C-alpha atoms as a PDB file:
ATOM      1  CA  MET A   1     103.801  69.589 105.691  1.00  0.00           C
ATOM      2  CA  GLY A   2     104.340  70.275 101.976  1.00  0.00           C
ATOM      3  CA  ARG A   3     104.709  73.690 100.421  1.00  0.00           C
ATOM      4  CA  LEU A   4     102.164  75.157  98.021  1.00  0.00           C
ATOM      5  CA  PRO A   5     103.309  75.517  94.415  1.00  0.00           C
ATOM      6  CA  VAL A   6     104.291  79.007  93.325  1.00  0.00           C
ATOM      7  CA  PRO A   7     101.596  80.492  91.042  1.00  0.00           C
ATOM      8  CA  LEU A   8     102.852  80.859  87.479  1.00  0.00           C
ATOM      9  CA  ALA A   9     101.714  83.546  85.062  1.00  0.00           C
ATOM     10  CA  TRP A  10     100.777  82.133  81.652  1.00  0.00           C
ATOM     11  CA  SER A  11     100.602  84.251  78.487  1.00  0.00           C
ATOM     12  CA  PRO A  12     101.188  87.685  80.063  1.00  0.00           C
ATOM     13  CA  ALA A  13     100.231  90.401  77.578  1.00  0.00           C
ATOM     14  CA  VAL A  14      99.691  94.146  77.282  1.00  0.00           C
ATOM     15  CA  ARG A  15      96.655  95.101  75.203  1.00  0.00           C
ATOM     16  CA  THR A  16      96.227  98.848  74.660  1.00  0.00           C
ATOM     17  CA  SER A  17      95.977 100.113  78.278  1.00  0.00           C
ATOM     18  CA  ARG A  18      95.321  96.713  79.885  1.00  0.00           C
ATOM     19  CA  PHE A  19      97.661  94.006  81.217  1.00  0.00           C
ATOM     20  CA  ASP A  20      96.412  90.464  81.724  1.00  0.00           C
ATOM     21  CA  THR A  21      97.730  87.009  82.476  1.00  0.00           C
ATOM     22  CA  LEU A  22      96.358  83.533  83.119  1.00  0.00           C
ATOM     23  CA  VAL A  23      97.101  81.829  86.448  1.00  0.00           C
ATOM     24  CA  GLN A  24      96.543  78.189  87.403  1.00  0.00           C
ATOM     25  CA  THR A  25      94.574  78.348  90.656  1.00  0.00           C
ATOM     26  CA  LEU A  26      93.996  75.956  93.522  1.00  0.00           C
ATOM     27  CA  ASN A  27      90.610  75.361  95.124  1.00  0.00           C
ATOM     28  CA  ARG A  28      90.014  77.433  98.306  1.00  0.00           C
ATOM     29  CA  LYS A  29      93.028  79.706  97.684  1.00  0.00           C
ATOM     30  CA  HIS A  30      92.901  83.386  96.730  1.00  0.00           C
ATOM     31  CA  TYR A  31      94.974  85.190  94.097  1.00  0.00           C
ATOM     32  CA  ALA A  32      95.868  88.826  93.588  1.00  0.00           C
ATOM     33  CA  LEU A  33      97.551  90.504  90.634  1.00  0.00           C
ATOM     34  CA  GLU A  34      99.752  93.178  92.179  1.00  0.00           C
ATOM     35  CA  TYR A  35     101.726  95.946  90.486  1.00  0.00           C
ATOM     36  CA  SER A  36     104.372  98.533  91.214  1.00  0.00           C
ATOM     37  CA  ASP A  37     106.078 101.163  89.065  1.00  0.00           C
ATOM     38  CA  THR A  38     109.444 100.210  90.609  1.00  0.00           C
ATOM     39  CA  LEU A  39     110.973  96.957  91.847  1.00  0.00           C
ATOM     40  CA  ALA A  40     112.390  98.775  94.875  1.00  0.00           C
ATOM     41  CA  ALA A  41     108.886  99.527  96.218  1.00  0.00           C
ATOM     42  CA  THR A  42     107.936  98.001  99.558  1.00  0.00           C
ATOM     43  CA  ASN A  43     104.190  98.451  98.978  1.00  0.00           C
ATOM     44  CA  TRP A  44     102.567  96.860  95.944  1.00  0.00           C
ATOM     45  CA  ASN A  45      99.069  97.792  94.718  1.00  0.00           C
ATOM     46  CA  SER A  46      96.404  95.178  94.077  1.00  0.00           C
ATOM     47  CA  ALA A  47      94.794  95.272  90.629  1.00  0.00           C
ATOM     48  CA  THR A  48      92.560  92.208  91.136  1.00  0.00           C
ATOM     49  CA  ASN A  49      91.618  89.745  93.857  1.00  0.00           C
ATOM     50  CA  THR A  50      89.935  86.489  92.906  1.00  0.00           C
ATOM     51  CA  PRO A  51      89.196  83.127  94.550  1.00  0.00           C
ATOM     52  CA  GLY A  52      90.713  80.014  93.016  1.00  0.00           C
ATOM     53  CA  ASN A  53      88.700  77.019  91.876  1.00  0.00           C
ATOM     54  CA  GLY A  54      91.341  74.656  90.462  1.00  0.00           C
ATOM     55  CA  ALA A  55      91.103  76.118  86.950  1.00  0.00           C
ATOM     56  CA  LEU A  56      92.913  78.794  84.952  1.00  0.00           C
ATOM     57  CA  LYS A  57      91.795  82.314  85.908  1.00  0.00           C
ATOM     58  CA  LEU A  58      92.384  85.557  84.034  1.00  0.00           C
ATOM     59  CA  LEU A  59      93.878  88.293  86.221  1.00  0.00           C
ATOM     60  CA  ALA A  60      93.942  91.786  84.725  1.00  0.00           C
ATOM     61  CA  ASP A  61      95.001  95.350  85.386  1.00  0.00           C
ATOM     62  CA  PRO A  62      92.544  97.445  83.341  1.00  0.00           C
ATOM     63  CA  ALA A  63      94.510 100.659  83.972  1.00  0.00           C
ATOM     64  CA  ALA A  64      98.033  99.689  82.830  1.00  0.00           C
ATOM     65  CA  THR A  65      98.912 103.139  81.509  1.00  0.00           C
ATOM     66  CA  ALA A  66     102.304 103.740  83.187  1.00  0.00           C
ATOM     67  CA  PRO A  67     105.282 103.652  80.786  1.00  0.00           C
ATOM     68  CA  GLN A  68     106.833 100.942  82.998  1.00  0.00           C
ATOM     69  CA  ARG A  69     105.065  98.687  85.484  1.00  0.00           C
ATOM     70  CA  PHE A  70     106.048  95.459  87.255  1.00  0.00           C
ATOM     71  CA  TYR A  71     103.607  92.677  88.138  1.00  0.00           C
ATOM     72  CA  ARG A  72     103.476  89.736  90.510  1.00  0.00           C
ATOM     73  CA  VAL A  73     100.836  87.199  91.517  1.00  0.00           C
ATOM     74  CA  ARG A  74     100.239  86.583  95.217  1.00  0.00           C
ATOM     75  CA  GLN A  75      98.494  83.481  96.591  1.00  0.00           C
ATOM     76  CA  TRP A  76      97.100  82.959 100.091  1.00  0.00           C
END
């Protein structure tokens, strides 16, 4: 069985107190933008959760106010 492609973040940007990025989605998969204030964290927080439809989707963290924050996209 083949492996699913890793979701890539396109055009990540910080705008005032908001972080957003585009993600190419797959139909019937779900995507979450997750964040942490440190890379050593074992628990990441979910900023958004959205179903995929085969198109580009905008994932955003509307409360990106920490001086430093790390992001990842999770697919399931």
